[in-house]
């Protein structure tokens, strides 16, 4: 088991359940992602470049998008918390996850990769 998976399994409920659901959904929607353990959290990479991360912080799970400044869908549902390039979806329970919003955001983030500003 890699350190990213260990991180997910070490979290208390309800966070572990949220993380497992997100991990499964992310890997089904964008199967070419590689799960690594970077910056002490699970981090997905696409074609060797940062894509998104999962982090249990305070009382929520943060699904952060690396190059979110270029996303074009569901921006009203994302947190910026003073960040310029990153945005995130925050979940406190499994019931808060909208599978369609998640799918559309992941596909939008994947489409950014072909643009010259994707780094």
N, C-alpha and C. Protein backbone atom coordinates (compact mmCIF):
# COMPACT_ATOMS: atom_id res chain seq x y z
N UNK A 1 0.85 -1.17 0.00
CA UNK A 1 0.00 0.00 0.00
C UNK A 1 0.90 1.24 0.00
N UNK A 2 0.56 2.19 -0.84
CA UNK A 2 1.39 3.39 -0.89
C UNK A 2 1.00 4.39 0.21
N UNK A 3 1.85 5.35 0.52
CA UNK A 3 1.58 6.30 1.61
C UNK A 3 0.29 7.11 1.42
N UNK A 4 -0.08 7.39 0.18
CA UNK A 4 -1.33 8.14 -0.06
C UNK A 4 -2.53 7.32 0.38
N UNK A 5 -2.53 6.05 0.07
CA UNK A 5 -3.63 5.17 0.49
C UNK A 5 -3.63 5.00 2.00
N UNK A 6 -2.45 4.90 2.61
CA UNK A 6 -2.35 4.81 4.07
C UNK A 6 -2.94 6.06 4.73
N UNK A 7 -2.64 7.23 4.16
CA UNK A 7 -3.19 8.48 4.67
C UNK A 7 -4.72 8.40 4.70
N UNK A 8 -5.31 7.97 3.60
CA UNK A 8 -6.77 7.89 3.50
C UNK A 8 -7.33 6.93 4.55
N UNK A 9 -6.74 5.77 4.68
CA UNK A 9 -7.25 4.77 5.61
C UNK A 9 -7.03 5.12 7.07
N UNK A 10 -6.08 6.01 7.37
CA UNK A 10 -5.81 6.44 8.75
C UNK A 10 -6.80 7.48 9.26
N UNK A 11 -7.56 8.11 8.38
CA UNK A 11 -8.46 9.18 8.80
C UNK A 11 -9.66 8.63 9.55
N UNK A 12 -10.13 9.36 10.54
CA UNK A 12 -11.34 8.92 11.25
C UNK A 12 -12.58 9.15 10.39
N UNK A 13 -13.63 8.44 10.73
CA UNK A 13 -14.91 8.69 10.06
C UNK A 13 -15.48 10.01 10.56
N UNK A 14 -16.19 10.76 9.75
CA UNK A 14 -16.69 10.42 8.42
C UNK A 14 -15.68 10.71 7.30
N UNK A 15 -14.50 11.22 7.67
CA UNK A 15 -13.54 11.67 6.66
C UNK A 15 -13.00 10.52 5.81
N UNK A 16 -12.76 9.38 6.45
CA UNK A 16 -12.26 8.24 5.68
C UNK A 16 -13.26 7.83 4.60
N UNK A 17 -14.53 7.78 4.93
CA UNK A 17 -15.56 7.43 3.97
C UNK A 17 -15.64 8.41 2.81
N UNK A 18 -15.52 9.69 3.13
CA UNK A 18 -15.54 10.73 2.09
C UNK A 18 -14.33 10.57 1.18
N UNK A 19 -13.17 10.39 1.78
CA UNK A 19 -11.93 10.22 1.00
C UNK A 19 -11.99 8.98 0.10
N UNK A 20 -12.49 7.87 0.63
CA UNK A 20 -12.58 6.65 -0.17
C UNK A 20 -13.55 6.84 -1.34
N UNK A 21 -14.65 7.52 -1.08
CA UNK A 21 -15.60 7.78 -2.16
C UNK A 21 -14.96 8.66 -3.23
N UNK A 22 -14.30 9.74 -2.81
CA UNK A 22 -13.66 10.64 -3.77
C UNK A 22 -12.56 9.93 -4.55
N UNK A 23 -11.76 9.12 -3.86
CA UNK A 23 -10.69 8.39 -4.53
C UNK A 23 -11.28 7.50 -5.63
N UNK A 24 -12.31 6.77 -5.31
CA UNK A 24 -12.93 5.88 -6.28
C UNK A 24 -13.52 6.67 -7.45
N UNK A 25 -14.24 7.73 -7.16
CA UNK A 25 -14.85 8.54 -8.22
C UNK A 25 -13.80 9.18 -9.12
N UNK A 26 -12.78 9.76 -8.52
CA UNK A 26 -11.72 10.43 -9.29
C UNK A 26 -11.05 9.43 -10.23
N UNK A 27 -10.73 8.25 -9.72
CA UNK A 27 -10.01 7.26 -10.52
C UNK A 27 -10.89 6.65 -11.61
N UNK A 28 -12.20 6.63 -11.42
CA UNK A 28 -13.11 6.15 -12.46
C UNK A 28 -13.30 7.20 -13.55
N UNK A 29 -13.39 8.46 -13.15
CA UNK A 29 -13.65 9.54 -14.11
C UNK A 29 -12.41 9.86 -14.94
N UNK A 30 -11.24 9.91 -14.30
CA UNK A 30 -9.98 10.21 -14.99
C UNK A 30 -9.01 9.06 -14.70
N UNK A 31 -9.11 7.96 -15.44
CA UNK A 31 -8.31 6.77 -15.11
C UNK A 31 -6.81 6.93 -15.32
N UNK A 32 -6.37 7.95 -16.05
CA UNK A 32 -4.94 8.12 -16.31
C UNK A 32 -4.18 8.81 -15.18
N UNK A 33 -4.87 9.17 -14.12
CA UNK A 33 -4.21 9.85 -13.00
C UNK A 33 -3.32 8.88 -12.23
N UNK A 34 -2.27 9.44 -11.66
CA UNK A 34 -1.38 8.68 -10.80
C UNK A 34 -1.45 9.25 -9.38
N UNK A 35 -1.79 8.39 -8.41
CA UNK A 35 -1.89 8.82 -7.02
C UNK A 35 -0.52 8.75 -6.36
N UNK A 36 -0.07 9.91 -5.86
CA UNK A 36 1.21 10.00 -5.16
C UNK A 36 0.97 10.60 -3.78
N UNK A 37 2.00 10.57 -2.96
CA UNK A 37 1.96 11.20 -1.64
C UNK A 37 2.93 12.36 -1.68
N UNK A 38 2.41 13.57 -1.85
CA UNK A 38 3.23 14.78 -1.95
C UNK A 38 2.70 15.80 -0.95
N UNK A 39 3.60 16.58 -0.40
CA UNK A 39 3.21 17.63 0.55
C UNK A 39 2.44 17.04 1.73
N UNK A 40 2.70 15.76 2.04
CA UNK A 40 2.09 15.03 3.16
C UNK A 40 0.60 14.75 2.97
N UNK A 41 0.12 14.77 1.72
CA UNK A 41 -1.28 14.47 1.41
C UNK A 41 -1.36 13.68 0.10
N UNK A 42 -2.50 12.99 -0.14
CA UNK A 42 -2.70 12.32 -1.42
C UNK A 42 -2.83 13.35 -2.55
N UNK A 43 -2.04 13.18 -3.59
CA UNK A 43 -1.99 14.14 -4.69
C UNK A 43 -2.06 13.37 -6.00
N UNK A 44 -2.99 13.75 -6.83
CA UNK A 44 -3.10 13.12 -8.15
C UNK A 44 -2.29 13.91 -9.16
N UNK A 45 -1.60 13.15 -10.02
CA UNK A 45 -0.81 13.73 -11.09
C UNK A 45 -1.35 13.21 -12.43
N UNK A 46 -1.34 14.09 -13.42
CA UNK A 46 -1.74 13.74 -14.77
C UNK A 46 -0.60 14.09 -15.70
N UNK A 47 -0.11 13.09 -16.40
CA UNK A 47 1.03 13.27 -17.31
C UNK A 47 2.22 13.93 -16.60
N UNK A 48 2.44 13.50 -15.36
CA UNK A 48 3.58 13.99 -14.59
C UNK A 48 3.41 15.36 -13.96
N UNK A 49 2.21 15.95 -14.07
CA UNK A 49 1.98 17.29 -13.53
C UNK A 49 0.88 17.25 -12.48
N UNK A 50 0.97 18.11 -11.45
CA UNK A 50 -0.05 18.13 -10.40
C UNK A 50 -1.44 18.38 -10.98
N UNK A 51 -2.43 17.64 -10.48
CA UNK A 51 -3.80 17.77 -10.98
C UNK A 51 -4.76 18.17 -9.86
N UNK A 52 -4.86 17.33 -8.83
CA UNK A 52 -5.72 17.65 -7.69
C UNK A 52 -5.22 16.92 -6.45
N UNK A 53 -5.72 17.35 -5.30
CA UNK A 53 -5.29 16.71 -4.05
C UNK A 53 -6.48 16.49 -3.13
N UNK A 54 -6.28 15.61 -2.15
CA UNK A 54 -7.27 15.33 -1.11
C UNK A 54 -6.62 15.64 0.24
N UNK A 55 -7.36 16.36 1.08
CA UNK A 55 -6.79 16.72 2.37
C UNK A 55 -7.88 16.80 3.42
N UNK A 56 -7.66 16.13 4.54
CA UNK A 56 -8.56 16.28 5.67
C UNK A 56 -8.05 17.45 6.49
N UNK A 57 -8.86 18.50 6.59
CA UNK A 57 -8.45 19.71 7.27
C UNK A 57 -9.59 20.20 8.16
N UNK A 58 -9.29 20.47 9.39
CA UNK A 58 -10.30 20.91 10.35
C UNK A 58 -11.47 19.94 10.36
N UNK A 59 -12.65 20.40 9.93
CA UNK A 59 -13.84 19.54 9.97
C UNK A 59 -14.38 19.25 8.58
N UNK A 60 -13.50 19.15 7.59
CA UNK A 60 -13.93 18.88 6.23
C UNK A 60 -12.82 18.20 5.43
N UNK A 61 -13.23 17.70 4.27
CA UNK A 61 -12.28 17.18 3.28
C UNK A 61 -12.20 18.22 2.17
N UNK A 62 -11.00 18.55 1.80
CA UNK A 62 -10.72 19.50 0.73
C UNK A 62 -10.32 18.70 -0.51
N UNK A 63 -11.05 18.87 -1.60
CA UNK A 63 -10.64 18.34 -2.90
C UNK A 63 -10.16 19.55 -3.68
N UNK A 64 -8.85 19.74 -3.71
CA UNK A 64 -8.27 20.93 -4.31
C UNK A 64 -7.81 20.69 -5.73
N UNK A 65 -8.02 21.68 -6.56
CA UNK A 65 -7.61 21.61 -7.96
C UNK A 65 -6.42 22.53 -8.16
N UNK A 66 -5.35 21.95 -8.69
CA UNK A 66 -4.07 22.63 -8.82
C UNK A 66 -4.13 23.85 -9.70
N UNK A 67 -4.67 23.74 -10.89
CA UNK A 67 -4.69 24.84 -11.85
C UNK A 67 -6.10 25.41 -11.98
N UNK A 68 -6.75 25.65 -10.86
CA UNK A 68 -8.16 26.02 -10.83
C UNK A 68 -8.46 27.39 -11.40
N UNK A 69 -7.46 28.23 -11.55
CA UNK A 69 -7.70 29.55 -12.11
C UNK A 69 -8.25 29.46 -13.53
N UNK A 70 -8.07 28.29 -14.17
CA UNK A 70 -8.50 28.12 -15.54
C UNK A 70 -9.75 27.24 -15.67
N UNK A 71 -10.35 26.89 -14.55
CA UNK A 71 -11.58 26.11 -14.61
C UNK A 71 -12.74 27.00 -15.04
N UNK A 72 -13.76 26.37 -15.63
CA UNK A 72 -14.87 27.18 -16.16
C UNK A 72 -16.24 26.73 -15.68
N UNK A 73 -16.33 25.65 -14.90
CA UNK A 73 -17.64 25.17 -14.44
C UNK A 73 -17.70 25.12 -12.92
N UNK A 74 -18.87 25.37 -12.39
CA UNK A 74 -19.17 25.25 -10.95
C UNK A 74 -18.24 26.06 -10.05
N UNK A 75 -17.77 27.17 -10.54
CA UNK A 75 -16.89 28.00 -9.72
C UNK A 75 -17.60 28.51 -8.46
N UNK A 76 -18.91 28.66 -8.55
CA UNK A 76 -19.70 29.13 -7.41
C UNK A 76 -19.74 28.11 -6.27
N UNK A 77 -19.38 26.88 -6.54
CA UNK A 77 -19.39 25.84 -5.52
C UNK A 77 -18.01 25.61 -4.90
N UNK A 78 -17.04 26.38 -5.35
CA UNK A 78 -15.65 26.15 -4.92
C UNK A 78 -15.19 27.24 -3.95
N UNK A 79 -14.29 26.83 -3.08
CA UNK A 79 -13.66 27.74 -2.11
C UNK A 79 -12.33 28.23 -2.67
N UNK A 80 -12.02 29.50 -2.41
CA UNK A 80 -10.71 30.01 -2.82
C UNK A 80 -9.83 30.29 -1.62
N UNK A 81 -10.41 30.69 -0.51
CA UNK A 81 -9.69 30.94 0.74
C UNK A 81 -8.41 31.73 0.53
N UNK A 82 -8.48 32.78 -0.29
CA UNK A 82 -7.35 33.65 -0.51
C UNK A 82 -6.30 33.11 -1.47
N UNK A 83 -6.56 31.98 -2.07
CA UNK A 83 -5.59 31.38 -3.01
C UNK A 83 -5.85 31.92 -4.41
N UNK A 84 -4.81 32.15 -5.17
CA UNK A 84 -4.95 32.69 -6.52
C UNK A 84 -5.10 31.60 -7.57
N UNK A 85 -4.33 30.53 -7.45
CA UNK A 85 -4.32 29.50 -8.48
C UNK A 85 -5.14 28.26 -8.10
N UNK A 86 -5.38 28.05 -6.84
CA UNK A 86 -6.08 26.83 -6.42
C UNK A 86 -7.47 27.16 -5.90
N UNK A 87 -8.37 26.23 -6.16
CA UNK A 87 -9.73 26.27 -5.62
C UNK A 87 -10.05 24.86 -5.15
N UNK A 88 -11.04 24.76 -4.28
CA UNK A 88 -11.36 23.43 -3.79
C UNK A 88 -12.85 23.26 -3.54
N UNK A 89 -13.27 22.01 -3.58
CA UNK A 89 -14.58 21.61 -3.12
C UNK A 89 -14.39 21.13 -1.69
N UNK A 90 -15.32 21.48 -0.81
CA UNK A 90 -15.20 21.06 0.59
C UNK A 90 -16.40 20.23 0.98
N UNK A 91 -16.11 19.12 1.66
CA UNK A 91 -17.16 18.19 2.06
C UNK A 91 -17.04 17.85 3.53
N UNK A 92 -18.16 17.92 4.21
CA UNK A 92 -18.23 17.53 5.62
C UNK A 92 -18.97 16.20 5.80
N UNK A 93 -19.63 15.75 4.73
CA UNK A 93 -20.34 14.47 4.76
C UNK A 93 -20.46 13.93 3.34
N UNK A 94 -20.72 12.63 3.24
CA UNK A 94 -20.91 12.01 1.93
C UNK A 94 -22.12 12.60 1.21
N UNK A 95 -23.14 12.98 1.98
CA UNK A 95 -24.36 13.51 1.39
C UNK A 95 -24.14 14.84 0.68
N UNK A 96 -23.09 15.56 1.04
CA UNK A 96 -22.80 16.85 0.41
C UNK A 96 -22.19 16.69 -1.00
N UNK A 97 -21.73 15.51 -1.33
CA UNK A 97 -21.08 15.30 -2.62
C UNK A 97 -22.12 15.17 -3.71
N UNK A 98 -22.05 16.06 -4.69
CA UNK A 98 -22.91 15.98 -5.86
C UNK A 98 -22.08 15.30 -6.96
N UNK A 99 -22.40 14.05 -7.30
CA UNK A 99 -21.58 13.31 -8.26
C UNK A 99 -21.46 14.00 -9.62
N UNK A 100 -22.51 14.68 -10.05
CA UNK A 100 -22.46 15.35 -11.35
C UNK A 100 -21.53 16.56 -11.32
N UNK A 101 -21.57 17.33 -10.25
CA UNK A 101 -20.66 18.47 -10.10
C UNK A 101 -19.22 17.96 -10.06
N UNK A 102 -18.98 16.91 -9.30
CA UNK A 102 -17.65 16.33 -9.20
C UNK A 102 -17.15 15.89 -10.58
N UNK A 103 -17.98 15.16 -11.31
CA UNK A 103 -17.61 14.68 -12.64
C UNK A 103 -17.32 15.83 -13.59
N UNK A 104 -18.18 16.82 -13.62
CA UNK A 104 -17.99 17.95 -14.53
C UNK A 104 -16.73 18.75 -14.20
N UNK A 105 -16.44 18.93 -12.92
CA UNK A 105 -15.22 19.65 -12.53
C UNK A 105 -13.96 18.88 -12.89
N UNK A 106 -13.97 17.58 -12.65
CA UNK A 106 -12.81 16.76 -12.99
C UNK A 106 -12.55 16.78 -14.50
N UNK A 107 -13.60 16.66 -15.29
CA UNK A 107 -13.44 16.68 -16.74
C UNK A 107 -13.00 18.06 -17.23
N UNK A 108 -13.51 19.11 -16.60
CA UNK A 108 -13.08 20.46 -16.95
C UNK A 108 -11.59 20.64 -16.63
N UNK A 109 -11.18 20.17 -15.46
CA UNK A 109 -9.76 20.28 -15.06
C UNK A 109 -8.88 19.47 -16.01
N UNK A 110 -9.36 18.31 -16.44
CA UNK A 110 -8.58 17.51 -17.38
C UNK A 110 -8.44 18.23 -18.72
N UNK A 111 -9.47 18.95 -19.14
CA UNK A 111 -9.42 19.64 -20.43
C UNK A 111 -8.43 20.80 -20.43
N UNK A 112 -8.10 21.31 -19.25
CA UNK A 112 -7.15 22.42 -19.12
C UNK A 112 -5.75 21.98 -19.51
N UNK A 113 -5.45 20.70 -19.36
CA UNK A 113 -4.08 20.21 -19.56
C UNK A 113 -3.51 20.51 -20.94
N UNK A 114 -4.36 20.60 -21.95
CA UNK A 114 -3.86 20.84 -23.30
C UNK A 114 -3.52 22.29 -23.59
N UNK A 115 -3.83 23.15 -22.68
CA UNK A 115 -3.59 24.58 -22.88
C UNK A 115 -2.18 24.93 -22.41
N UNK A 116 -1.61 25.95 -23.01
CA UNK A 116 -0.19 26.28 -22.74
C UNK A 116 0.06 26.71 -21.30
N UNK A 117 -0.98 27.15 -20.58
CA UNK A 117 -0.77 27.62 -19.20
C UNK A 117 -0.79 26.47 -18.21
N UNK A 118 -1.07 25.26 -18.65
CA UNK A 118 -1.08 24.13 -17.72
C UNK A 118 0.34 23.79 -17.35
N UNK A 119 0.65 23.87 -16.07
CA UNK A 119 2.03 23.63 -15.67
C UNK A 119 2.12 22.70 -14.50
